[in-house]
Amino acid sequence: MVTLRKAAPLFALGLAAACKPDLDDRLSLVDEPRVLAIRAEPAEARPGTEVTYTALVGQGLGADGLPALSWSYCTARKPLAELGPVSTACLGGDPDALLPIGNGATAQAALPKDACRSFGPEVPAPKQGEPAGRPVDPDETGGFFQPVILRKGGDISLGRARIACGVAGVTPELLAEFQQRYASNTNPALTEVVALVGGAEIPLEPGDPGAGANRIPAGASVRLRASWPGCDGVPCAGSEPYVVFEPQARALVERTEAIRVAWFATDGAFDEDRTGVEAGGGLSSDNGWMAPEVAGPVRLWVVIRDDRGGAGWLDFVLDVHE
């Protein structure tokens, strides 16, 4: 996910938009309300399927409600000459390039029925006076994505809905094998986050559990460990196995998802903004966090992502005490 400032100069927008859209384009310190992550449910769907979009908004304790949010599909294909993950017409608010979805922290809409033609492996519809278009190339996981635009005031956050478009340019036998073996992506989920302080291990309770829970000494050097489940079957909420078509080998290749974890807090300092493991690298990821010197509550958000576009999260209130 990338968040852009509407007021940024055009060249700065181009540089920011050139980042991969599944990465957070901000530091881990949350000192003002902002969108930290976007999740689509289901995480992969066919065109015409209803998808629910949810935004994780990071803001301090005692904030007066959520900021106003509005959702749209970007329906304009990005010209080859443009940099960035989506068409600048969508970033600029061109009504002809946007299909409104809804307002609020959650919105629901069907994936456009022509999504696999606009952003997938099918030949796009020709436009009058323009040369014939070409299909979109898949990403490294074999995936295709419908761009999603989330606006919060002057900020624009870019999300992606993975489209189940299959594969093109293969034999009927290989297509049938792909359809039999491929498992659509599901969103990953965290099973727990543990704080290791000195010799103590503190399983953190999600949300705001009240006094006596999630107690962290002020100024402490904390080791945070985020864990997710193993994948003994499909679907699973961890690092899923899947198959991808390899053009050079003209065959299906088995892979396993990598997992990335993004860390956010209203105070303190993380060793890393993002951590994670490569495919098959384990079921947890650690990060260091230095608690603030001043006692008081701290909000913590931990976001998990797989490399096929799925996302999940947990949020906590830490009781930093003297």
C-alpha atoms as a PDB file:
ATOM      1  CA  MET A   1       0.000   0.000   0.000  1.00  0.00           C
ATOM      2  CA  VAL A   2       1.254   3.477  -0.874  1.00  0.00           C
ATOM      3  CA  THR A   3      -0.118   6.703   0.619  1.00  0.00           C
ATOM      4  CA  LEU A   4       0.316   9.874  -1.424  1.00  0.00           C
ATOM      5  CA  ARG A   5      -0.220  13.517  -0.510  1.00  0.00           C
ATOM      6  CA  LYS A   6      -2.720  15.185  -2.829  1.00  0.00           C
ATOM      7  CA  ALA A   7      -0.877  18.463  -2.465  1.00  0.00           C
ATOM      8  CA  ALA A   8       2.489  16.979  -3.492  1.00  0.00           C
ATOM      9  CA  PRO A   9       4.086  18.269  -6.699  1.00  0.00           C
ATOM     10  CA  LEU A  10       3.462  16.145  -9.771  1.00  0.00           C
ATOM     11  CA  PHE A  11       7.029  14.887  -9.981  1.00  0.00           C
ATOM     12  CA  ALA A  12       6.959  13.846  -6.332  1.00  0.00           C
ATOM     13  CA  LEU A  13       3.721  11.950  -6.939  1.00  0.00           C
ATOM     14  CA  GLY A  14       5.417  10.090  -9.750  1.00  0.00           C
ATOM     15  CA  LEU A  15       8.332   9.078  -7.551  1.00  0.00           C
ATOM     16  CA  ALA A  16       6.092   7.970  -4.694  1.00  0.00           C
ATOM     17  CA  ALA A  17       3.752   6.061  -6.973  1.00  0.00           C
ATOM     18  CA  ALA A  18       6.695   4.173  -8.455  1.00  0.00           C
ATOM     19  CA  CYS A  19       6.979   2.230  -5.206  1.00  0.00           C
ATOM     20  CA  LYS A  20       5.420  -1.234  -5.033  1.00  0.00           C
ATOM     21  CA  PRO A  21       1.792  -0.742  -3.938  1.00  0.00           C
ATOM     22  CA  ASP A  22       1.854  -3.508  -1.291  1.00  0.00           C
ATOM     23  CA  LEU A  23       4.404  -1.630   0.847  1.00  0.00           C
ATOM     24  CA  ASP A  24       3.732   1.078   3.415  1.00  0.00           C
ATOM     25  CA  ASP A  25       5.291   4.335   2.257  1.00  0.00           C
ATOM     26  CA  ARG A  26       5.654   5.784   5.767  1.00  0.00           C
ATOM     27  CA  LEU A  27       7.692   5.373   8.905  1.00  0.00           C
ATOM     28  CA  SER A  28       6.365   3.265  11.767  1.00  0.00           C
ATOM     29  CA  LEU A  29       5.624   6.211  14.091  1.00  0.00           C
ATOM     30  CA  VAL A  30       1.932   7.154  13.922  1.00  0.00           C
ATOM     31  CA  ASP A  31       1.711  10.793  14.994  1.00  0.00           C
ATOM     32  CA  GLU A  32      -1.417  11.711  12.991  1.00  0.00           C
ATOM     33  CA  PRO A  33      -4.410   9.752  11.655  1.00  0.00           C
ATOM     34  CA  ARG A  34      -3.478   7.789   8.531  1.00  0.00           C
ATOM     35  CA  VAL A  35      -4.299   4.608   6.681  1.00  0.00           C
ATOM     36  CA  LEU A  36      -1.891   1.817   7.646  1.00  0.00           C
ATOM     37  CA  ALA A  37      -3.286  -1.059   5.586  1.00  0.00           C
ATOM     38  CA  ILE A  38      -6.108  -2.121   3.280  1.00  0.00           C
ATOM     39  CA  ARG A  39      -7.596  -5.629   3.216  1.00  0.00           C
ATOM     40  CA  ALA A  40      -9.818  -7.246   0.604  1.00  0.00           C
ATOM     41  CA  GLU A  41     -12.082 -10.160   1.596  1.00  0.00           C
ATOM     42  CA  PRO A  42     -11.947 -12.528  -0.171  1.00  0.00           C
ATOM     43  CA  ALA A  43      -8.268 -11.940  -0.877  1.00  0.00           C
ATOM     44  CA  GLU A  44      -8.662 -13.252  -4.445  1.00  0.00           C
ATOM     45  CA  ALA A  45     -11.901 -13.270  -6.418  1.00  0.00           C
ATOM     46  CA  ARG A  46     -13.318 -13.612  -9.915  1.00  0.00           C
ATOM     47  CA  PRO A  47     -14.719 -10.580 -11.755  1.00  0.00           C
ATOM     48  CA  GLY A  48     -18.286  -9.882 -10.649  1.00  0.00           C
ATOM     49  CA  THR A  49     -17.679 -11.265  -7.141  1.00  0.00           C
ATOM     50  CA  GLU A  50     -18.634  -9.117  -4.139  1.00  0.00           C
ATOM     51  CA  VAL A  51     -15.531  -8.027  -2.228  1.00  0.00           C
ATOM     52  CA  THR A  52     -15.416  -6.264   1.134  1.00  0.00           C
ATOM     53  CA  TYR A  53     -12.661  -3.691   1.621  1.00  0.00           C
ATOM     54  CA  THR A  54     -11.497  -2.673   5.098  1.00  0.00           C
ATOM     55  CA  ALA A  55      -9.083   0.101   6.026  1.00  0.00           C
ATOM     56  CA  LEU A  56      -6.897  -0.001   9.116  1.00  0.00           C
ATOM     57  CA  VAL A  57      -6.652   3.605  10.300  1.00  0.00           C
ATOM     58  CA  GLY A  58      -3.934   4.404  12.786  1.00  0.00           C
ATOM     59  CA  GLN A  59      -4.611   7.217  15.235  1.00  0.00           C
ATOM     60  CA  GLY A  60      -3.946   8.053  18.846  1.00  0.00           C
ATOM     61  CA  LEU A  61      -6.042   7.123  21.844  1.00  0.00           C
ATOM     62  CA  GLY A  62      -8.958   9.434  22.446  1.00  0.00           C
ATOM     63  CA  ALA A  63      -9.254  10.456  18.800  1.00  0.00           C
ATOM     64  CA  ASP A  64     -12.676  11.825  17.930  1.00  0.00           C
ATOM     65  CA  GLY A  65     -13.941   9.104  15.593  1.00  0.00           C
ATOM     66  CA  LEU A  66     -12.516   7.938  12.274  1.00  0.00           C
ATOM     67  CA  PRO A  67     -11.657  10.400   9.498  1.00  0.00           C
ATOM     68  CA  ALA A  68     -13.895  10.492   6.418  1.00  0.00           C
ATOM     69  CA  LEU A  69     -12.914   7.827   3.896  1.00  0.00           C
ATOM     70  CA  SER A  70     -14.127   7.283   0.325  1.00  0.00           C
ATOM     71  CA  TRP A  71     -13.421   4.261  -1.901  1.00  0.00           C
ATOM     72  CA  SER A  72     -13.264   3.889  -5.692  1.00  0.00           C
ATOM     73  CA  TYR A  73     -12.076   1.407  -8.272  1.00  0.00           C
ATOM     74  CA  CYS A  74      -9.498   2.780 -10.684  1.00  0.00           C
ATOM     75  CA  THR A  75     -10.846   1.720 -14.087  1.00  0.00           C
ATOM     76  CA  ALA A  76      -8.235   3.391 -16.320  1.00  0.00           C
ATOM     77  CA  ARG A  77      -5.343   1.335 -17.635  1.00  0.00           C
ATOM     78  CA  LYS A  78      -1.960   2.914 -16.994  1.00  0.00           C
ATOM     79  CA  PRO A  79      -0.295   4.009 -20.252  1.00  0.00           C
ATOM     80  CA  LEU A  80       3.055   2.316 -20.862  1.00  0.00           C
ATOM     81  CA  ALA A  81       4.788   5.697 -20.828  1.00  0.00           C
ATOM     82  CA  GLU A  82       3.585   6.501 -17.290  1.00  0.00           C
ATOM     83  CA  LEU A  83       5.531   5.599 -14.177  1.00  0.00           C
ATOM     84  CA  GLY A  84       3.851   4.274 -11.070  1.00  0.00           C
ATOM     85  CA  PRO A  85       1.415   1.475 -10.256  1.00  0.00           C
ATOM     86  CA  VAL A  86      -1.802   3.164 -11.468  1.00  0.00           C
ATOM     87  CA  SER A  87      -2.971   5.693 -14.019  1.00  0.00           C
ATOM     88  CA  THR A  88      -2.405   9.321 -13.045  1.00  0.00           C
ATOM     89  CA  ALA A  89      -6.023   9.928 -14.099  1.00  0.00           C
ATOM     90  CA  CYS A  90      -7.099   7.920 -11.038  1.00  0.00           C
ATOM     91  CA  LEU A  91      -4.715   9.802  -8.742  1.00  0.00           C
ATOM     92  CA  GLY A  92      -5.958  13.104 -10.111  1.00  0.00           C
ATOM     93  CA  GLY A  93      -9.611  12.283  -9.408  1.00  0.00           C
ATOM     94  CA  ASP A  94     -10.781  12.071 -13.034  1.00  0.00           C
ATOM     95  CA  PRO A  95     -14.431  10.912 -12.683  1.00  0.00           C
ATOM     96  CA  ASP A  96     -14.170   9.013 -15.983  1.00  0.00           C
ATOM     97  CA  ALA A  97     -11.349   6.916 -14.481  1.00  0.00           C
ATOM     98  CA  LEU A  98     -13.027   6.114 -11.153  1.00  0.00           C
ATOM     99  CA  LEU A  99     -15.937   3.875 -10.142  1.00  0.00           C
ATOM    100  CA  PRO A 100     -17.213   4.813  -6.644  1.00  0.00           C
ATOM    101  CA  ILE A 101     -17.484   1.933  -4.154  1.00  0.00           C
ATOM    102  CA  GLY A 102     -18.614   3.503  -0.893  1.00  0.00           C
ATOM    103  CA  ASN A 103     -17.644   5.521   2.183  1.00  0.00           C
ATOM    104  CA  GLY A 104     -16.372   4.677   5.636  1.00  0.00           C
ATOM    105  CA  ALA A 105     -13.813   2.286   7.090  1.00  0.00           C
ATOM    106  CA  THR A 106     -15.470  -0.629   5.250  1.00  0.00           C
ATOM    107  CA  ALA A 107     -17.011  -0.748   1.777  1.00  0.00           C
ATOM    108  CA  GLN A 108     -18.364  -3.544  -0.409  1.00  0.00           C
ATOM    109  CA  ALA A 109     -18.622  -3.801  -4.179  1.00  0.00           C
ATOM    110  CA  ALA A 110     -18.405  -6.352  -6.978  1.00  0.00           C
ATOM    111  CA  LEU A 111     -15.155  -6.569  -8.876  1.00  0.00           C
ATOM    112  CA  PRO A 112     -15.678  -5.025 -12.330  1.00  0.00           C
ATOM    113  CA  LYS A 113     -16.705  -7.705 -14.815  1.00  0.00           C
ATOM    114  CA  ASP A 114     -14.045  -6.533 -17.286  1.00  0.00           C
ATOM    115  CA  ALA A 115     -11.235  -6.576 -14.690  1.00  0.00           C
ATOM    116  CA  CYS A 116      -9.340  -9.384 -16.431  1.00  0.00           C
ATOM    117  CA  ARG A 117      -9.444  -7.405 -19.684  1.00  0.00           C
ATOM    118  CA  SER A 118      -8.421  -4.116 -18.085  1.00  0.00           C
ATOM    119  CA  PHE A 119      -5.807  -5.407 -15.644  1.00  0.00           C
ATOM    120  CA  GLY A 120      -5.298  -9.080 -16.484  1.00  0.00           C
ATOM    121  CA  PRO A 121      -4.192 -11.522 -19.168  1.00  0.00           C
ATOM    122  CA  GLU A 122      -7.085 -10.956 -21.573  1.00  0.00           C
ATOM    123  CA  VAL A 123      -6.693  -8.648 -24.587  1.00  0.00           C
ATOM    124  CA  PRO A 124      -8.191  -5.245 -23.642  1.00  0.00           C
ATOM    125  CA  ALA A 125     -11.015  -3.666 -25.583  1.00  0.00           C
ATOM    126  CA  PRO A 126      -9.644  -1.382 -28.327  1.00  0.00           C
ATOM    127  CA  LYS A 127     -10.116   2.376 -28.022  1.00  0.00           C
ATOM    128  CA  GLN A 128     -11.028   4.539 -30.981  1.00  0.00           C
ATOM    129  CA  GLY A 129      -7.996   6.155 -32.580  1.00  0.00           C
ATOM    130  CA  GLU A 130      -5.496   4.210 -30.457  1.00  0.00           C
ATOM    131  CA  PRO A 131      -3.368   1.151 -31.282  1.00  0.00           C
ATOM    132  CA  ALA A 132      -4.540  -2.201 -29.971  1.00  0.00           C
ATOM    133  CA  GLY A 133      -3.628  -2.786 -26.352  1.00  0.00           C
ATOM    134  CA  ARG A 134      -1.808  -5.757 -24.885  1.00  0.00           C
ATOM    135  CA  PRO A 135      -2.577  -7.943 -21.888  1.00  0.00           C
ATOM    136  CA  VAL A 136      -1.048  -7.060 -18.524  1.00  0.00           C
ATOM    137  CA  ASP A 137       1.927  -9.141 -17.418  1.00  0.00           C
ATOM    138  CA  PRO A 138       1.440 -11.039 -14.133  1.00  0.00           C
ATOM    139  CA  ASP A 139       3.531 -10.229 -11.095  1.00  0.00           C
ATOM    140  CA  GLU A 140       6.131 -12.661  -9.748  1.00  0.00           C
ATOM    141  CA  THR A 141       3.386 -14.729  -8.070  1.00  0.00           C
ATOM    142  CA  GLY A 142       1.386 -15.010 -11.302  1.00  0.00           C
ATOM    143  CA  GLY A 143      -1.197 -12.538 -10.027  1.00  0.00           C
ATOM    144  CA  PHE A 144      -3.268  -9.723 -11.531  1.00  0.00           C
ATOM    145  CA  PHE A 145      -4.731  -6.860  -9.520  1.00  0.00           C
ATOM    146  CA  GLN A 146      -7.620  -4.416  -9.709  1.00  0.00           C
ATOM    147  CA  PRO A 147      -6.425  -1.035  -8.330  1.00  0.00           C
ATOM    148  CA  VAL A 148      -8.418   0.421  -5.436  1.00  0.00           C
ATOM    149  CA  ILE A 149      -8.283   4.109  -4.495  1.00  0.00           C
ATOM    150  CA  LEU A 150      -8.952   5.172  -0.890  1.00  0.00           C
ATOM    151  CA  ARG A 151      -9.157   8.904  -0.184  1.00  0.00           C
ATOM    152  CA  LYS A 152      -8.784  10.466   3.253  1.00  0.00           C
ATOM    153  CA  GLY A 153      -8.913  14.221   2.920  1.00  0.00           C
ATOM    154  CA  GLY A 154      -5.860  15.176   0.865  1.00  0.00           C
ATOM    155  CA  ASP A 155      -4.280  11.710   1.141  1.00  0.00           C
ATOM    156  CA  ILE A 156      -4.659   8.945  -1.421  1.00  0.00           C
ATOM    157  CA  SER A 157      -3.948   5.334  -0.426  1.00  0.00           C
ATOM    158  CA  LEU A 158      -3.564   2.696  -3.124  1.00  0.00           C
ATOM    159  CA  GLY A 159      -4.929  -0.795  -2.499  1.00  0.00           C
ATOM    160  CA  ARG A 160      -5.137  -3.875  -4.708  1.00  0.00           C
ATOM    161  CA  ALA A 161      -7.744  -6.587  -5.150  1.00  0.00           C
ATOM    162  CA  ARG A 162      -6.262  -9.786  -6.565  1.00  0.00           C
ATOM    163  CA  ILE A 163      -8.291 -10.955  -9.576  1.00  0.00           C
ATOM    164  CA  ALA A 164      -8.740 -14.668 -10.303  1.00  0.00           C
ATOM    165  CA  CYS A 165      -8.019 -14.511 -14.042  1.00  0.00           C
ATOM    166  CA  GLY A 166      -6.261 -17.855 -14.521  1.00  0.00           C
ATOM    167  CA  VAL A 167      -3.492 -18.054 -17.125  1.00  0.00           C
ATOM    168  CA  ALA A 168      -3.493 -17.251 -20.831  1.00  0.00           C
ATOM    169  CA  GLY A 169      -1.533 -18.645 -23.747  1.00  0.00           C
ATOM    170  CA  VAL A 170      -1.319 -22.215 -22.437  1.00  0.00           C
ATOM    171  CA  THR A 171      -2.581 -25.524 -23.753  1.00  0.00           C
ATOM    172  CA  PRO A 172      -6.052 -26.731 -22.667  1.00  0.00           C
ATOM    173  CA  GLU A 173      -4.364 -29.529 -20.731  1.00  0.00           C
ATOM    174  CA  LEU A 174      -2.146 -27.121 -18.798  1.00  0.00           C
ATOM    175  CA  LEU A 175      -5.068 -24.791 -18.128  1.00  0.00           C
ATOM    176  CA  ALA A 176      -7.090 -27.699 -16.739  1.00  0.00           C
ATOM    177  CA  GLU A 177      -4.160 -28.699 -14.523  1.00  0.00           C
ATOM    178  CA  PHE A 178      -3.814 -25.129 -13.266  1.00  0.00           C
ATOM    179  CA  GLN A 179      -7.510 -24.904 -12.416  1.00  0.00           C
ATOM    180  CA  GLN A 180      -7.272 -28.183 -10.527  1.00  0.00           C
ATOM    181  CA  ARG A 181      -4.127 -27.365  -8.549  1.00  0.00           C
ATOM    182  CA  TYR A 182      -4.365 -23.631  -7.915  1.00  0.00           C
ATOM    183  CA  ALA A 183      -5.808 -22.481  -4.577  1.00  0.00           C
ATOM    184  CA  SER A 184      -7.065 -18.899  -4.452  1.00  0.00           C
ATOM    185  CA  ASN A 185      -5.286 -16.720  -1.948  1.00  0.00           C
ATOM    186  CA  THR A 186      -6.682 -16.197   1.542  1.00  0.00           C
ATOM    187  CA  ASN A 187      -5.754 -13.404   3.925  1.00  0.00           C
ATOM    188  CA  PRO A 188      -3.057 -14.229   6.484  1.00  0.00           C
ATOM    189  CA  ALA A 189      -3.776 -13.762  10.178  1.00  0.00           C
ATOM    190  CA  LEU A 190      -1.671 -13.274  13.287  1.00  0.00           C
ATOM    191  CA  THR A 191      -2.173 -15.834  16.046  1.00  0.00           C
ATOM    192  CA  GLU A 192      -0.420 -13.764  18.718  1.00  0.00           C
ATOM    193  CA  VAL A 193       2.093 -11.049  19.476  1.00  0.00           C
ATOM    194  CA  VAL A 194       4.385 -11.585  22.454  1.00  0.00           C
ATOM    195  CA  ALA A 195       6.545  -8.999  24.232  1.00  0.00           C
ATOM    196  CA  LEU A 196       9.840 -10.301  25.635  1.00  0.00           C
ATOM    197  CA  VAL A 197      11.103  -7.995  28.390  1.00  0.00           C
ATOM    198  CA  GLY A 198      14.176  -9.141  30.273  1.00  0.00           C
ATOM    199  CA  GLY A 199      13.362 -12.697  31.310  1.00  0.00           C
ATOM    200  CA  ALA A 200       9.596 -12.211  31.125  1.00  0.00           C
ATOM    201  CA  GLU A 201       7.340 -13.237  28.219  1.00  0.00           C
ATOM    202  CA  ILE A 202       4.145 -11.201  27.994  1.00  0.00           C
ATOM    203  CA  PRO A 203       1.429 -12.403  25.558  1.00  0.00           C
ATOM    204  CA  LEU A 204      -0.255  -9.184  24.473  1.00  0.00           C
ATOM    205  CA  GLU A 205      -4.044  -8.938  24.638  1.00  0.00           C
ATOM    206  CA  PRO A 206      -5.595  -7.321  21.521  1.00  0.00           C
ATOM    207  CA  GLY A 207      -7.615  -4.143  21.773  1.00  0.00           C
ATOM    208  CA  ASP A 208      -7.735  -2.188  25.009  1.00  0.00           C
ATOM    209  CA  PRO A 209      -7.901  -4.838  27.762  1.00  0.00           C
ATOM    210  CA  GLY A 210      -7.821  -2.287  30.583  1.00  0.00           C
ATOM    211  CA  ALA A 211      -5.645  -1.890  33.644  1.00  0.00           C
ATOM    212  CA  GLY A 212      -3.238  -4.674  34.553  1.00  0.00           C
ATOM    213  CA  ALA A 213      -2.710  -5.989  31.018  1.00  0.00           C
ATOM    214  CA  ASN A 214      -0.003  -5.377  28.418  1.00  0.00           C
ATOM    215  CA  ARG A 215       2.235  -3.714  31.016  1.00  0.00           C
ATOM    216  CA  ILE A 216       5.613  -2.610  29.693  1.00  0.00           C
ATOM    217  CA  PRO A 217       8.211  -0.752  31.825  1.00  0.00           C
ATOM    218  CA  ALA A 218       9.021   2.766  30.616  1.00  0.00           C
ATOM    219  CA  GLY A 219      12.321   2.909  28.720  1.00  0.00           C
ATOM    220  CA  ALA A 220      12.497  -0.881  28.420  1.00  0.00           C
ATOM    221  CA  SER A 221      14.181  -2.617  25.505  1.00  0.00           C
ATOM    222  CA  VAL A 222      11.442  -4.963  24.256  1.00  0.00           C
ATOM    223  CA  ARG A 223      11.583  -7.843  21.803  1.00  0.00           C
ATOM    224  CA  LEU A 224       8.255  -8.228  19.993  1.00  0.00           C
ATOM    225  CA  ARG A 225       7.417 -11.514  18.292  1.00  0.00           C
ATOM    226  CA  ALA A 226       4.533 -11.816  15.832  1.00  0.00           C
ATOM    227  CA  SER A 227       3.363 -15.361  15.016  1.00  0.00           C
ATOM    228  CA  TRP A 228       1.047 -16.891  12.403  1.00  0.00           C
ATOM    229  CA  PRO A 229      -0.298 -20.436  11.873  1.00  0.00           C
ATOM    230  CA  GLY A 230       1.284 -23.192   9.842  1.00  0.00           C
ATOM    231  CA  CYS A 231      -0.380 -24.494   6.698  1.00  0.00           C
ATOM    232  CA  ASP A 232      -1.375 -28.114   7.177  1.00  0.00           C
ATOM    233  CA  GLY A 233      -4.229 -27.685   4.712  1.00  0.00           C
ATOM    234  CA  VAL A 234      -5.776 -25.233   2.256  1.00  0.00           C
ATOM    235  CA  PRO A 235      -7.023 -22.631   2.880  1.00  0.00           C
ATOM    236  CA  CYS A 236      -4.814 -21.449   5.710  1.00  0.00           C
ATOM    237  CA  ALA A 237      -4.012 -18.146   7.403  1.00  0.00           C
ATOM    238  CA  GLY A 238      -0.250 -18.462   7.106  1.00  0.00           C
ATOM    239  CA  SER A 239       2.323 -18.952   4.351  1.00  0.00           C
ATOM    240  CA  GLU A 240       0.243 -20.753   1.720  1.00  0.00           C
ATOM    241  CA  PRO A 241       1.544 -23.074  -0.999  1.00  0.00           C
ATOM    242  CA  TYR A 242       0.428 -22.288  -4.553  1.00  0.00           C
ATOM    243  CA  VAL A 243       1.350 -22.947  -8.162  1.00  0.00           C
ATOM    244  CA  VAL A 244       2.425 -20.414 -10.773  1.00  0.00           C
ATOM    245  CA  PHE A 245       2.901 -20.790 -14.524  1.00  0.00           C
ATOM    246  CA  GLU A 246       6.556 -20.485 -15.501  1.00  0.00           C
ATOM    247  CA  PRO A 247       6.726 -19.254 -19.146  1.00  0.00           C
ATOM    248  CA  GLN A 248      10.308 -20.353 -19.762  1.00  0.00           C
ATOM    249  CA  ALA A 249       9.664 -23.900 -18.586  1.00  0.00           C
ATOM    250  CA  ARG A 250       6.089 -23.913 -19.963  1.00  0.00           C
ATOM    251  CA  ALA A 251       5.080 -25.699 -16.773  1.00  0.00           C
ATOM    252  CA  LEU A 252       3.459 -25.123 -13.391  1.00  0.00           C
ATOM    253  CA  VAL A 253       5.900 -24.516 -10.549  1.00  0.00           C
ATOM    254  CA  GLU A 254       5.136 -24.987  -6.847  1.00  0.00           C
ATOM    255  CA  ARG A 255       5.866 -22.070  -4.537  1.00  0.00           C
ATOM    256  CA  THR A 256       5.196 -20.961  -0.976  1.00  0.00           C
ATOM    257  CA  GLU A 257       4.298 -17.432   0.076  1.00  0.00           C
ATOM    258  CA  ALA A 258       6.759 -15.151   1.805  1.00  0.00           C
ATOM    259  CA  ILE A 259       5.410 -13.239   4.811  1.00  0.00           C
ATOM    260  CA  ARG A 260       6.044  -9.581   5.642  1.00  0.00           C
ATOM    261  CA  VAL A 261       5.200  -7.814   8.908  1.00  0.00           C
ATOM    262  CA  ALA A 262       4.792  -4.029   9.285  1.00  0.00           C
ATOM    263  CA  TRP A 263       5.008  -2.427  12.738  1.00  0.00           C
ATOM    264  CA  PHE A 264       3.377   0.833  13.871  1.00  0.00           C
ATOM    265  CA  ALA A 265       3.052   2.615  17.211  1.00  0.00           C
ATOM    266  CA  THR A 266       2.111   6.032  18.577  1.00  0.00           C
ATOM    267  CA  ASP A 267       5.326   6.253  20.624  1.00  0.00           C
ATOM    268  CA  GLY A 268       8.628   4.486  21.160  1.00  0.00           C
ATOM    269  CA  ALA A 269      11.020   3.374  18.425  1.00  0.00           C
ATOM    270  CA  PHE A 270      11.243   0.147  16.399  1.00  0.00           C
ATOM    271  CA  ASP A 271      14.499  -1.367  15.179  1.00  0.00           C
ATOM    272  CA  GLU A 272      12.861  -1.942  11.773  1.00  0.00           C
ATOM    273  CA  ASP A 273       9.708  -0.610  10.136  1.00  0.00           C
ATOM    274  CA  ARG A 274       9.176  -3.984   8.442  1.00  0.00           C
ATOM    275  CA  THR A 275      10.375  -7.511   9.093  1.00  0.00           C
ATOM    276  CA  GLY A 276       9.368 -10.943   7.784  1.00  0.00           C
ATOM    277  CA  VAL A 277      10.490 -14.283   6.415  1.00  0.00           C
ATOM    278  CA  GLU A 278      11.069 -15.687   2.970  1.00  0.00           C
ATOM    279  CA  ALA A 279       9.099 -18.681   1.695  1.00  0.00           C
ATOM    280  CA  GLY A 280       9.324 -21.510   4.216  1.00  0.00           C
ATOM    281  CA  GLY A 281      11.282 -19.309   6.610  1.00  0.00           C
ATOM    282  CA  GLY A 282       9.284 -19.952   9.763  1.00  0.00           C
ATOM    283  CA  LEU A 283       6.106 -19.035  11.609  1.00  0.00           C
ATOM    284  CA  SER A 284       7.161 -15.865  13.408  1.00  0.00           C
ATOM    285  CA  SER A 285       9.040 -12.617  12.982  1.00  0.00           C
ATOM    286  CA  ASP A 286      10.795 -10.537  15.653  1.00  0.00           C
ATOM    287  CA  ASN A 287      11.387  -6.823  15.978  1.00  0.00           C
ATOM    288  CA  GLY A 288      12.973  -4.679  18.640  1.00  0.00           C
ATOM    289  CA  TRP A 289      11.028  -1.816  20.237  1.00  0.00           C
ATOM    290  CA  MET A 290      12.309   0.758  22.707  1.00  0.00           C
ATOM    291  CA  ALA A 291       9.489   1.803  25.004  1.00  0.00           C
ATOM    292  CA  PRO A 292       9.123   5.548  25.657  1.00  0.00           C
ATOM    293  CA  GLU A 293      10.723   6.981  28.785  1.00  0.00           C
ATOM    294  CA  VAL A 294       7.472   8.616  29.877  1.00  0.00           C
ATOM    295  CA  ALA A 295       4.694   6.422  31.246  1.00  0.00           C
ATOM    296  CA  GLY A 296       1.337   6.340  29.492  1.00  0.00           C
ATOM    297  CA  PRO A 297      -0.706   4.294  27.029  1.00  0.00           C
ATOM    298  CA  VAL A 298       0.766   3.477  23.595  1.00  0.00           C
ATOM    299  CA  ARG A 299      -1.169   2.095  20.640  1.00  0.00           C
ATOM    300  CA  LEU A 300       0.531  -0.668  18.669  1.00  0.00           C
ATOM    301  CA  TRP A 301      -0.497  -2.100  15.293  1.00  0.00           C
ATOM    302  CA  VAL A 302       1.034  -5.187  13.690  1.00  0.00           C
ATOM    303  CA  VAL A 303       0.157  -5.854  10.032  1.00  0.00           C
ATOM    304  CA  ILE A 304       0.880  -9.179   8.326  1.00  0.00           C
ATOM    305  CA  ARG A 305       1.000  -9.557   4.529  1.00  0.00           C
ATOM    306  CA  ASP A 306       1.640 -12.406   2.139  1.00  0.00           C
ATOM    307  CA  ASP A 307       3.247 -11.805  -1.253  1.00  0.00           C
ATOM    308  CA  ARG A 308       0.028 -12.604  -3.144  1.00  0.00           C
ATOM    309  CA  GLY A 309      -1.653  -9.454  -1.825  1.00  0.00           C
ATOM    310  CA  GLY A 310      -3.370 -10.736   1.332  1.00  0.00           C
ATOM    311  CA  ALA A 311      -3.320  -8.785   4.604  1.00  0.00           C
ATOM    312  CA  GLY A 312      -4.406  -9.007   8.243  1.00  0.00           C
ATOM    313  CA  TRP A 313      -3.623  -7.238  11.513  1.00  0.00           C
ATOM    314  CA  LEU A 314      -3.930  -6.976  15.254  1.00  0.00           C
ATOM    315  CA  ASP A 315      -3.948  -3.802  17.363  1.00  0.00           C
ATOM    316  CA  PHE A 316      -3.083  -3.359  21.030  1.00  0.00           C
ATOM    317  CA  VAL A 317      -2.970  -0.761  23.780  1.00  0.00           C
ATOM    318  CA  LEU A 318       0.234  -1.033  25.816  1.00  0.00           C
ATOM    319  CA  ASP A 319       0.339   0.176  29.408  1.00  0.00           C
ATOM    320  CA  VAL A 320       3.777   1.777  29.664  1.00  0.00           C
ATOM    321  CA  HIS A 321       4.394   2.246  33.376  1.00  0.00           C
ATOM    322  CA  GLU A 322       7.098   3.593  35.698  1.00  0.00           C
END
